[in-house]
Amino acid sequence: MNMRLMHACRRLAAATLLLSLVACASMPQVSLPLRFAWFEGRQVGYVSTDASDPDVARELGVNHAPRLAATVPADPAAPGQRHALERVYHFNDGAQINVFPSVPQPVGPDSTDRAYSPLWRVVEVAWTPGSTRRLLTSEEAVLDAVERGQLSLRVTRVVVNCAVVSVDGGRVLPGARLQP
């Protein structure tokens, strides 16, 4: 490739990049509350936009989307069988933040994690009387505590739409900005 053509291509690429940055900067922005959950010992940030239950929608300050409930299968999935819904372990007493069993890895368009879904079926978690409470930071820890009789789980029909936008303060969804 001759030098003149190569410089012209570089100028064109730079101009295209500049135009796309200007276009992105002038796009309207939205700010949503960043919530946190645990995933395999790491904190993840997520945003909630919709909930199938009106009380949950009101509590979270999100859209009430009754049709999300239609994603709940009539028959429970067999162990190991994947569904469009993922579980979110929610501690009813607020003792700790939620626990997610999957997140996009990495966050963004390069994720190859087939287990992740932003549609979460709420599983209510409660400590059994006499159990010693402790911080649980993974699905494995939650299920282990259930096996030991320390926790009880109640699978609900409530579905929430919560997109993971950051993992452990590391990679952030492209176009997103984390602000304190």
N, C-alpha and C. Protein backbone atom coordinates (compact mmCIF):
# COMPACT_ATOMS: atom_id res chain seq x y z
N MET A 1 0.86 -1.17 0.00
CA MET A 1 0.00 0.00 0.00
C MET A 1 0.91 1.23 0.00
N ASN A 2 0.62 2.22 -0.86
CA ASN A 2 1.50 3.39 -0.90
C ASN A 2 1.23 4.26 0.31
N MET A 3 2.20 5.11 0.64
CA MET A 3 2.15 5.93 1.86
C MET A 3 0.99 6.93 1.82
N ARG A 4 0.72 7.51 0.67
CA ARG A 4 -0.34 8.50 0.57
C ARG A 4 -1.69 7.86 0.89
N LEU A 5 -1.93 6.67 0.35
CA LEU A 5 -3.18 5.96 0.59
C LEU A 5 -3.29 5.56 2.07
N MET A 6 -2.17 5.12 2.64
CA MET A 6 -2.17 4.70 4.04
C MET A 6 -2.50 5.89 4.95
N HIS A 7 -1.92 7.08 4.68
CA HIS A 7 -2.23 8.26 5.49
C HIS A 7 -3.69 8.67 5.32
N ALA A 8 -4.21 8.56 4.11
CA ALA A 8 -5.61 8.91 3.86
C ALA A 8 -6.53 7.96 4.65
N CYS A 9 -6.19 6.69 4.68
CA CYS A 9 -6.99 5.71 5.44
C CYS A 9 -6.95 6.03 6.93
N ARG A 10 -5.78 6.40 7.44
CA ARG A 10 -5.67 6.75 8.86
C ARG A 10 -6.50 7.99 9.18
N ARG A 11 -6.46 9.01 8.31
CA ARG A 11 -7.24 10.22 8.54
C ARG A 11 -8.74 9.89 8.52
N LEU A 12 -9.14 9.03 7.60
CA LEU A 12 -10.54 8.64 7.52
C LEU A 12 -10.96 7.89 8.79
N ALA A 13 -10.12 6.98 9.25
CA ALA A 13 -10.42 6.23 10.47
C ALA A 13 -10.51 7.16 11.66
N ALA A 14 -9.60 8.13 11.77
CA ALA A 14 -9.62 9.08 12.88
C ALA A 14 -10.87 9.94 12.82
N ALA A 15 -11.25 10.39 11.64
CA ALA A 15 -12.45 11.21 11.48
C ALA A 15 -13.70 10.41 11.86
N THR A 16 -13.75 9.16 11.45
CA THR A 16 -14.88 8.30 11.77
C THR A 16 -15.00 8.11 13.28
N LEU A 17 -13.86 7.87 13.94
CA LEU A 17 -13.85 7.70 15.39
C LEU A 17 -14.31 8.97 16.06
N LEU A 18 -13.81 10.12 15.62
CA LEU A 18 -14.20 11.39 16.21
C LEU A 18 -15.70 11.63 16.05
N LEU A 19 -16.24 11.36 14.88
CA LEU A 19 -17.68 11.54 14.65
C LEU A 19 -18.50 10.63 15.54
N SER A 20 -18.06 9.39 15.71
CA SER A 20 -18.83 8.46 16.56
C SER A 20 -18.77 8.90 18.02
N LEU A 21 -17.63 9.44 18.47
CA LEU A 21 -17.53 9.93 19.85
C LEU A 21 -18.42 11.15 20.06
N VAL A 22 -18.46 12.05 19.09
CA VAL A 22 -19.33 13.22 19.18
C VAL A 22 -20.79 12.77 19.20
N ALA A 23 -21.14 11.82 18.35
CA ALA A 23 -22.52 11.33 18.32
C ALA A 23 -22.91 10.71 19.65
N CYS A 24 -22.01 9.93 20.25
CA CYS A 24 -22.30 9.30 21.55
C CYS A 24 -22.42 10.35 22.64
N ALA A 25 -21.56 11.37 22.60
CA ALA A 25 -21.58 12.40 23.63
C ALA A 25 -22.87 13.20 23.58
N SER A 26 -23.46 13.33 22.41
CA SER A 26 -24.67 14.14 22.29
C SER A 26 -25.94 13.31 22.47
N MET A 27 -25.81 12.00 22.69
CA MET A 27 -26.98 11.16 22.89
C MET A 27 -27.56 11.42 24.28
N PRO A 28 -28.88 11.36 24.41
CA PRO A 28 -29.48 11.51 25.74
C PRO A 28 -28.95 10.41 26.67
N GLN A 29 -28.85 10.72 27.94
CA GLN A 29 -28.34 9.78 28.94
C GLN A 29 -29.43 9.53 29.98
N VAL A 30 -29.32 8.40 30.63
CA VAL A 30 -30.22 8.06 31.72
C VAL A 30 -29.37 7.61 32.89
N SER A 31 -29.82 7.87 34.08
CA SER A 31 -29.11 7.45 35.28
C SER A 31 -30.04 6.55 36.08
N LEU A 32 -29.58 5.36 36.40
CA LEU A 32 -30.36 4.40 37.17
C LEU A 32 -29.60 4.04 38.44
N PRO A 33 -30.32 3.72 39.52
CA PRO A 33 -29.62 3.30 40.74
C PRO A 33 -28.84 2.00 40.49
N LEU A 34 -27.61 1.98 40.94
CA LEU A 34 -26.78 0.78 40.84
C LEU A 34 -26.97 -0.04 42.10
N ARG A 35 -27.38 -1.27 41.92
CA ARG A 35 -27.56 -2.19 43.04
C ARG A 35 -26.43 -3.20 42.99
N PHE A 36 -26.24 -3.92 44.09
CA PHE A 36 -25.13 -4.87 44.17
C PHE A 36 -25.62 -6.25 44.59
N ALA A 37 -24.92 -7.26 44.10
CA ALA A 37 -25.19 -8.66 44.45
C ALA A 37 -23.85 -9.37 44.52
N TRP A 38 -23.88 -10.57 45.07
CA TRP A 38 -22.69 -11.43 45.11
C TRP A 38 -22.74 -12.44 43.98
N PHE A 39 -21.59 -12.75 43.43
CA PHE A 39 -21.43 -13.84 42.47
C PHE A 39 -20.05 -14.44 42.69
N GLU A 40 -20.01 -15.68 43.14
CA GLU A 40 -18.76 -16.41 43.36
C GLU A 40 -17.72 -15.58 44.11
N GLY A 41 -18.18 -14.94 45.19
CA GLY A 41 -17.28 -14.18 46.05
C GLY A 41 -16.93 -12.79 45.57
N ARG A 42 -17.49 -12.38 44.45
CA ARG A 42 -17.21 -11.05 43.91
C ARG A 42 -18.50 -10.24 43.88
N GLN A 43 -18.39 -8.94 44.10
CA GLN A 43 -19.57 -8.09 44.00
C GLN A 43 -19.79 -7.70 42.55
N VAL A 44 -21.04 -7.73 42.15
CA VAL A 44 -21.42 -7.29 40.81
C VAL A 44 -22.42 -6.15 40.94
N GLY A 45 -22.38 -5.24 39.98
CA GLY A 45 -23.33 -4.14 39.95
C GLY A 45 -24.39 -4.43 38.90
N TYR A 46 -25.63 -4.10 39.21
CA TYR A 46 -26.72 -4.34 38.25
C TYR A 46 -27.74 -3.22 38.35
N VAL A 47 -28.52 -3.08 37.30
CA VAL A 47 -29.63 -2.13 37.30
C VAL A 47 -30.92 -2.90 37.10
N SER A 48 -31.95 -2.46 37.78
CA SER A 48 -33.28 -3.08 37.66
C SER A 48 -34.17 -2.14 36.87
N THR A 49 -34.95 -2.72 35.96
CA THR A 49 -35.85 -1.90 35.16
C THR A 49 -37.30 -2.34 35.23
N ASP A 50 -37.57 -3.62 35.51
CA ASP A 50 -38.93 -4.14 35.44
C ASP A 50 -39.13 -5.25 36.48
N ALA A 51 -40.37 -5.40 36.94
CA ALA A 51 -40.73 -6.50 37.84
C ALA A 51 -42.15 -6.95 37.54
N SER A 52 -42.39 -8.25 37.63
CA SER A 52 -43.71 -8.80 37.32
C SER A 52 -44.73 -8.54 38.42
N ASP A 53 -44.27 -8.28 39.62
CA ASP A 53 -45.14 -8.09 40.78
C ASP A 53 -45.28 -6.59 41.07
N PRO A 54 -46.51 -6.09 41.24
CA PRO A 54 -46.68 -4.65 41.46
C PRO A 54 -46.01 -4.14 42.74
N ASP A 55 -46.04 -4.94 43.82
CA ASP A 55 -45.42 -4.49 45.06
C ASP A 55 -43.90 -4.43 44.93
N VAL A 56 -43.33 -5.43 44.26
CA VAL A 56 -41.88 -5.44 44.04
C VAL A 56 -41.49 -4.27 43.14
N ALA A 57 -42.28 -4.03 42.10
CA ALA A 57 -42.01 -2.91 41.19
C ALA A 57 -42.02 -1.59 41.97
N ARG A 58 -42.99 -1.42 42.83
CA ARG A 58 -43.10 -0.20 43.65
C ARG A 58 -41.90 -0.09 44.58
N GLU A 59 -41.55 -1.19 45.24
CA GLU A 59 -40.42 -1.19 46.18
C GLU A 59 -39.11 -0.83 45.49
N LEU A 60 -38.91 -1.36 44.28
CA LEU A 60 -37.66 -1.12 43.54
C LEU A 60 -37.70 0.18 42.74
N GLY A 61 -38.90 0.73 42.53
CA GLY A 61 -39.03 1.93 41.73
C GLY A 61 -38.80 1.65 40.25
N VAL A 62 -39.36 0.52 39.76
CA VAL A 62 -39.18 0.11 38.37
C VAL A 62 -40.55 -0.08 37.71
N ASN A 63 -40.53 -0.37 36.41
CA ASN A 63 -41.77 -0.63 35.69
C ASN A 63 -42.45 -1.88 36.22
N HIS A 64 -43.78 -1.81 36.35
CA HIS A 64 -44.54 -3.03 36.61
C HIS A 64 -44.79 -3.67 35.26
N ALA A 65 -44.27 -4.86 35.06
CA ALA A 65 -44.38 -5.58 33.78
C ALA A 65 -44.99 -6.95 34.03
N PRO A 66 -46.33 -7.03 34.14
CA PRO A 66 -46.99 -8.29 34.46
C PRO A 66 -46.64 -9.43 33.50
N ARG A 67 -46.35 -9.12 32.24
CA ARG A 67 -46.06 -10.18 31.26
C ARG A 67 -44.78 -10.94 31.59
N LEU A 68 -43.91 -10.36 32.40
CA LEU A 68 -42.71 -11.11 32.80
C LEU A 68 -43.08 -12.41 33.51
N ALA A 69 -44.22 -12.42 34.19
CA ALA A 69 -44.66 -13.64 34.89
C ALA A 69 -44.92 -14.77 33.90
N ALA A 70 -45.20 -14.45 32.65
CA ALA A 70 -45.44 -15.49 31.63
C ALA A 70 -44.17 -16.26 31.29
N THR A 71 -43.02 -15.78 31.74
CA THR A 71 -41.78 -16.51 31.48
C THR A 71 -41.57 -17.66 32.46
N VAL A 72 -42.36 -17.70 33.53
CA VAL A 72 -42.24 -18.78 34.52
C VAL A 72 -42.85 -20.04 33.93
N PRO A 73 -42.05 -21.13 33.82
CA PRO A 73 -42.58 -22.36 33.22
C PRO A 73 -43.63 -23.02 34.13
N ALA A 74 -44.56 -23.73 33.51
CA ALA A 74 -45.59 -24.44 34.27
C ALA A 74 -44.98 -25.54 35.12
N ASP A 75 -43.99 -26.23 34.55
CA ASP A 75 -43.30 -27.30 35.27
C ASP A 75 -41.90 -26.82 35.63
N PRO A 76 -41.46 -27.12 36.85
CA PRO A 76 -40.10 -26.71 37.20
C PRO A 76 -39.07 -27.42 36.33
N ALA A 77 -38.00 -26.71 36.01
CA ALA A 77 -36.93 -27.31 35.20
C ALA A 77 -36.23 -28.39 36.02
N ALA A 78 -35.83 -29.43 35.34
CA ALA A 78 -35.06 -30.49 36.00
C ALA A 78 -33.69 -29.94 36.38
N PRO A 79 -33.05 -30.49 37.42
CA PRO A 79 -31.71 -30.02 37.80
C PRO A 79 -30.77 -30.03 36.59
N GLY A 80 -30.05 -28.93 36.44
CA GLY A 80 -29.10 -28.82 35.34
C GLY A 80 -29.71 -28.34 34.04
N GLN A 81 -31.04 -28.31 33.95
CA GLN A 81 -31.71 -27.85 32.73
C GLN A 81 -31.80 -26.33 32.76
N ARG A 82 -31.37 -25.70 31.67
CA ARG A 82 -31.37 -24.24 31.59
C ARG A 82 -32.70 -23.72 31.09
N HIS A 83 -33.03 -22.54 31.52
CA HIS A 83 -34.25 -21.86 31.14
C HIS A 83 -33.90 -20.38 30.94
N ALA A 84 -34.76 -19.62 30.33
CA ALA A 84 -34.51 -18.18 30.13
C ALA A 84 -34.44 -17.45 31.46
N LEU A 85 -35.04 -18.03 32.49
CA LEU A 85 -34.99 -17.42 33.82
C LEU A 85 -33.82 -17.97 34.61
N GLU A 86 -33.17 -17.09 35.31
CA GLU A 86 -32.11 -17.48 36.25
C GLU A 86 -32.66 -17.21 37.65
N ARG A 87 -32.07 -17.80 38.65
CA ARG A 87 -32.51 -17.57 40.02
C ARG A 87 -31.75 -16.38 40.61
N VAL A 88 -32.42 -15.63 41.48
CA VAL A 88 -31.75 -14.63 42.30
C VAL A 88 -32.16 -14.95 43.73
N TYR A 89 -31.16 -15.13 44.58
CA TYR A 89 -31.42 -15.46 45.98
C TYR A 89 -31.53 -14.16 46.76
N HIS A 90 -32.75 -13.90 47.25
CA HIS A 90 -33.06 -12.66 47.94
C HIS A 90 -33.30 -12.93 49.42
N PHE A 91 -32.52 -12.30 50.28
CA PHE A 91 -32.64 -12.47 51.73
C PHE A 91 -33.75 -11.54 52.23
N ASN A 92 -34.86 -12.13 52.66
CA ASN A 92 -36.05 -11.36 53.04
C ASN A 92 -35.80 -10.35 54.14
N ASP A 93 -34.91 -10.67 55.07
CA ASP A 93 -34.71 -9.78 56.21
C ASP A 93 -33.71 -8.66 55.90
N GLY A 94 -33.21 -8.62 54.67
CA GLY A 94 -32.25 -7.58 54.30
C GLY A 94 -30.89 -7.75 54.94
N ALA A 95 -30.63 -8.94 55.50
CA ALA A 95 -29.37 -9.19 56.20
C ALA A 95 -28.17 -9.08 55.28
N GLN A 96 -28.38 -9.30 53.99
CA GLN A 96 -27.28 -9.18 53.04
C GLN A 96 -27.84 -8.93 51.65
N ILE A 97 -26.96 -8.56 50.74
CA ILE A 97 -27.38 -8.33 49.36
C ILE A 97 -27.66 -9.67 48.68
N ASN A 98 -28.33 -9.60 47.54
CA ASN A 98 -28.70 -10.79 46.79
C ASN A 98 -27.48 -11.60 46.34
N VAL A 99 -27.74 -12.84 45.96
CA VAL A 99 -26.71 -13.72 45.39
C VAL A 99 -27.17 -14.14 44.00
N PHE A 100 -26.32 -13.95 43.01
CA PHE A 100 -26.59 -14.35 41.63
C PHE A 100 -25.81 -15.62 41.31
N PRO A 101 -26.40 -16.56 40.58
CA PRO A 101 -25.67 -17.76 40.17
C PRO A 101 -24.91 -17.59 38.85
N SER A 102 -25.14 -16.47 38.14
CA SER A 102 -24.41 -16.28 36.88
C SER A 102 -24.33 -14.79 36.57
N VAL A 103 -23.31 -14.44 35.81
CA VAL A 103 -23.15 -13.07 35.31
C VAL A 103 -22.53 -13.19 33.92
N PRO A 104 -22.68 -12.15 33.08
CA PRO A 104 -22.02 -12.23 31.78
C PRO A 104 -20.51 -12.16 31.99
N GLN A 105 -19.78 -13.02 31.32
CA GLN A 105 -18.32 -13.04 31.47
C GLN A 105 -17.67 -13.05 30.11
N PRO A 106 -17.00 -11.94 29.77
CA PRO A 106 -16.93 -10.67 30.48
C PRO A 106 -18.21 -9.87 30.26
N VAL A 107 -18.38 -8.81 31.07
CA VAL A 107 -19.52 -7.92 30.89
C VAL A 107 -19.42 -7.27 29.51
N GLY A 108 -20.52 -7.24 28.80
CA GLY A 108 -20.53 -6.56 27.51
C GLY A 108 -20.73 -7.51 26.35
N PRO A 109 -20.53 -7.01 25.13
CA PRO A 109 -20.83 -7.79 23.93
C PRO A 109 -19.91 -8.98 23.70
N ASP A 110 -18.80 -9.06 24.42
CA ASP A 110 -17.88 -10.18 24.24
C ASP A 110 -18.18 -11.36 25.15
N SER A 111 -19.27 -11.27 25.93
CA SER A 111 -19.61 -12.36 26.84
C SER A 111 -19.92 -13.64 26.05
N THR A 112 -19.39 -14.72 26.57
CA THR A 112 -19.66 -16.02 25.97
C THR A 112 -20.38 -16.94 26.96
N ASP A 113 -20.79 -16.37 28.10
CA ASP A 113 -21.43 -17.16 29.15
C ASP A 113 -22.87 -17.47 28.77
N ARG A 114 -23.15 -18.72 28.47
CA ARG A 114 -24.49 -19.13 28.06
C ARG A 114 -25.44 -19.29 29.25
N ALA A 115 -24.92 -19.27 30.47
CA ALA A 115 -25.77 -19.44 31.66
C ALA A 115 -26.45 -18.14 32.07
N TYR A 116 -25.88 -17.00 31.68
CA TYR A 116 -26.41 -15.71 32.14
C TYR A 116 -27.71 -15.33 31.43
N SER A 117 -28.63 -14.81 32.22
CA SER A 117 -29.85 -14.20 31.70
C SER A 117 -30.18 -13.02 32.60
N PRO A 118 -30.63 -11.89 32.04
CA PRO A 118 -31.01 -10.76 32.89
C PRO A 118 -32.41 -10.90 33.49
N LEU A 119 -33.10 -12.00 33.18
CA LEU A 119 -34.41 -12.25 33.77
C LEU A 119 -34.24 -13.16 34.97
N TRP A 120 -34.61 -12.66 36.13
CA TRP A 120 -34.35 -13.36 37.39
C TRP A 120 -35.66 -13.74 38.07
N ARG A 121 -35.75 -15.00 38.45
CA ARG A 121 -36.88 -15.48 39.24
C ARG A 121 -36.47 -15.39 40.70
N VAL A 122 -37.25 -14.68 41.48
CA VAL A 122 -36.89 -14.43 42.87
C VAL A 122 -37.07 -15.69 43.71
N VAL A 123 -36.01 -16.05 44.42
CA VAL A 123 -36.03 -17.14 45.39
C VAL A 123 -35.79 -16.50 46.75
N GLU A 124 -36.82 -16.54 47.61
CA GLU A 124 -36.69 -15.92 48.93
C GLU A 124 -35.90 -16.84 49.85
N VAL A 125 -34.96 -16.23 50.55
CA VAL A 125 -34.05 -16.96 51.44
C VAL A 125 -34.31 -16.52 52.87
N ALA A 126 -34.42 -17.49 53.78
CA ALA A 126 -34.61 -17.18 55.20
C ALA A 126 -33.73 -18.10 56.04
N TRP A 127 -33.09 -17.52 57.03
CA TRP A 127 -32.30 -18.33 57.97
C TRP A 127 -33.26 -19.11 58.86
N THR A 128 -32.95 -20.36 59.14
CA THR A 128 -33.79 -21.16 60.03
C THR A 128 -33.46 -20.78 61.47
N PRO A 129 -34.45 -20.88 62.36
CA PRO A 129 -34.21 -20.53 63.77
C PRO A 129 -33.04 -21.31 64.35
N GLY A 130 -32.20 -20.60 65.08
CA GLY A 130 -31.04 -21.22 65.73
C GLY A 130 -29.81 -21.29 64.85
N SER A 131 -29.92 -20.95 63.59
CA SER A 131 -28.75 -20.99 62.68
C SER A 131 -27.89 -19.76 62.90
N THR A 132 -26.60 -19.96 62.77
CA THR A 132 -25.66 -18.85 62.86
C THR A 132 -25.58 -18.16 61.51
N ARG A 133 -25.97 -16.92 61.50
CA ARG A 133 -25.95 -16.16 60.23
C ARG A 133 -24.51 -15.80 59.88
N ARG A 134 -24.27 -15.84 58.58
CA ARG A 134 -22.96 -15.45 58.06
C ARG A 134 -23.15 -14.94 56.64
N LEU A 135 -22.15 -14.28 56.13
CA LEU A 135 -22.22 -13.74 54.79
C LEU A 135 -22.08 -14.88 53.78
N LEU A 136 -23.01 -14.96 52.83
CA LEU A 136 -22.97 -15.97 51.77
C LEU A 136 -22.76 -15.24 50.45
N THR A 137 -21.69 -15.60 49.74
CA THR A 137 -21.31 -14.81 48.56
C THR A 137 -21.32 -15.62 47.26
N SER A 138 -21.99 -16.77 47.28
CA SER A 138 -22.09 -17.58 46.05
C SER A 138 -23.31 -18.48 46.15
N GLU A 139 -23.77 -18.93 44.98
CA GLU A 139 -24.88 -19.87 44.97
C GLU A 139 -24.48 -21.16 45.68
N GLU A 140 -23.25 -21.58 45.50
CA GLU A 140 -22.78 -22.80 46.16
C GLU A 140 -22.90 -22.68 47.68
N ALA A 141 -22.54 -21.52 48.24
CA ALA A 141 -22.63 -21.32 49.69
C ALA A 141 -24.09 -21.32 50.14
N VAL A 142 -24.98 -20.73 49.34
CA VAL A 142 -26.42 -20.73 49.67
C VAL A 142 -26.94 -22.16 49.69
N LEU A 143 -26.65 -22.91 48.63
CA LEU A 143 -27.16 -24.28 48.54
C LEU A 143 -26.55 -25.18 49.60
N ASP A 144 -25.30 -24.95 49.98
CA ASP A 144 -24.66 -25.71 51.05
C ASP A 144 -25.37 -25.44 52.38
N ALA A 145 -25.71 -24.18 52.65
CA ALA A 145 -26.42 -23.83 53.88
C ALA A 145 -27.82 -24.45 53.89
N VAL A 146 -28.46 -24.55 52.73
CA VAL A 146 -29.76 -25.21 52.64
C VAL A 146 -29.61 -26.69 52.99
N GLU A 147 -28.59 -27.32 52.41
CA GLU A 147 -28.33 -28.74 52.68
C GLU A 147 -28.10 -29.01 54.16
N ARG A 148 -27.47 -28.07 54.84
CA ARG A 148 -27.17 -28.22 56.27
C ARG A 148 -28.36 -27.84 57.16
N GLY A 149 -29.47 -27.42 56.52
CA GLY A 149 -30.67 -27.05 57.28
C GLY A 149 -30.60 -25.67 57.88
N GLN A 150 -29.66 -24.84 57.45
CA GLN A 150 -29.49 -23.50 58.01
C GLN A 150 -30.35 -22.45 57.30
N LEU A 151 -30.75 -22.73 56.08
CA LEU A 151 -31.56 -21.81 55.28
C LEU A 151 -32.76 -22.53 54.73
N SER A 152 -33.82 -21.76 54.50
CA SER A 152 -34.95 -22.29 53.73
C SER A 152 -35.11 -21.41 52.50
N LEU A 153 -35.55 -22.02 51.41
CA LEU A 153 -35.76 -21.32 50.16
C LEU A 153 -37.23 -21.42 49.78
N ARG A 154 -37.74 -20.33 49.22
CA ARG A 154 -39.10 -20.34 48.68
C ARG A 154 -39.03 -19.73 47.29
N VAL A 155 -39.25 -20.56 46.28
CA VAL A 155 -39.24 -20.10 44.90
C VAL A 155 -40.56 -19.38 44.64
N THR A 156 -40.47 -18.15 44.17
CA THR A 156 -41.68 -17.36 43.91
C THR A 156 -41.98 -17.34 42.41
N ARG A 157 -43.05 -16.70 42.05
CA ARG A 157 -43.39 -16.50 40.64
C ARG A 157 -43.01 -15.09 40.19
N VAL A 158 -42.30 -14.36 41.06
CA VAL A 158 -41.88 -12.99 40.75
C VAL A 158 -40.66 -13.02 39.85
N VAL A 159 -40.72 -12.26 38.75
CA VAL A 159 -39.61 -12.15 37.81
C VAL A 159 -39.20 -10.69 37.75
N VAL A 160 -37.90 -10.45 37.82
CA VAL A 160 -37.36 -9.09 37.68
C VAL A 160 -36.34 -9.06 36.56
N ASN A 161 -36.29 -7.93 35.88
CA ASN A 161 -35.32 -7.72 34.81
C ASN A 161 -34.19 -6.89 35.39
N CYS A 162 -33.04 -7.51 35.56
CA CYS A 162 -31.89 -6.85 36.18
C CYS A 162 -30.64 -7.16 35.37
N ALA A 163 -30.16 -6.19 34.64
CA ALA A 163 -28.97 -6.39 33.82
C ALA A 163 -27.71 -6.12 34.63
N VAL A 164 -26.77 -7.05 34.57
CA VAL A 164 -25.47 -6.87 35.22
C VAL A 164 -24.66 -5.91 34.37
N VAL A 165 -24.14 -4.86 35.00
CA VAL A 165 -23.39 -3.84 34.25
C VAL A 165 -21.92 -3.73 34.68
N SER A 166 -21.55 -4.36 35.80
CA SER A 166 -20.15 -4.35 36.22
C SER A 166 -19.87 -5.55 37.12
N VAL A 167 -18.62 -5.97 37.11
CA VAL A 167 -18.20 -7.07 37.97
C VAL A 167 -17.01 -6.61 38.80
N ASP A 168 -17.20 -6.60 40.13
CA ASP A 168 -16.13 -6.30 41.08
C ASP A 168 -15.38 -5.02 40.75
N GLY A 169 -16.09 -4.01 40.30
CA GLY A 169 -15.45 -2.74 39.98
C GLY A 169 -14.52 -2.81 38.77
N GLY A 170 -14.52 -3.95 38.08
CA GLY A 170 -13.65 -4.13 36.92
C GLY A 170 -14.33 -3.67 35.65
N ARG A 171 -14.49 -4.58 34.73
CA ARG A 171 -15.07 -4.23 33.43
C ARG A 171 -16.52 -3.76 33.61
N VAL A 172 -16.86 -2.73 32.86
CA VAL A 172 -18.18 -2.13 32.90
C VAL A 172 -18.80 -2.25 31.52
N LEU A 173 -20.10 -2.39 31.48
CA LEU A 173 -20.83 -2.47 30.22
C LEU A 173 -20.44 -1.27 29.35
N PRO A 174 -20.08 -1.50 28.08
CA PRO A 174 -19.68 -0.39 27.22
C PRO A 174 -20.76 0.70 27.18
N GLY A 175 -20.33 1.93 27.29
CA GLY A 175 -21.25 3.06 27.30
C GLY A 175 -21.73 3.43 28.69
N ALA A 176 -21.54 2.55 29.67
CA ALA A 176 -21.96 2.83 31.03
C ALA A 176 -20.83 3.54 31.78
N ARG A 177 -21.23 4.40 32.70
CA ARG A 177 -20.27 5.09 33.56
C ARG A 177 -20.71 4.88 34.99
N LEU A 178 -19.82 4.41 35.83
CA LEU A 178 -20.14 4.25 37.24
C LEU A 178 -19.81 5.56 37.94
N GLN A 179 -20.78 6.11 38.65
CA GLN A 179 -20.58 7.35 39.38
C GLN A 179 -20.87 7.11 40.85
N PRO A 180 -20.07 7.71 41.72
CA PRO A 180 -20.31 7.53 43.17
C PRO A 180 -21.61 8.16 43.61
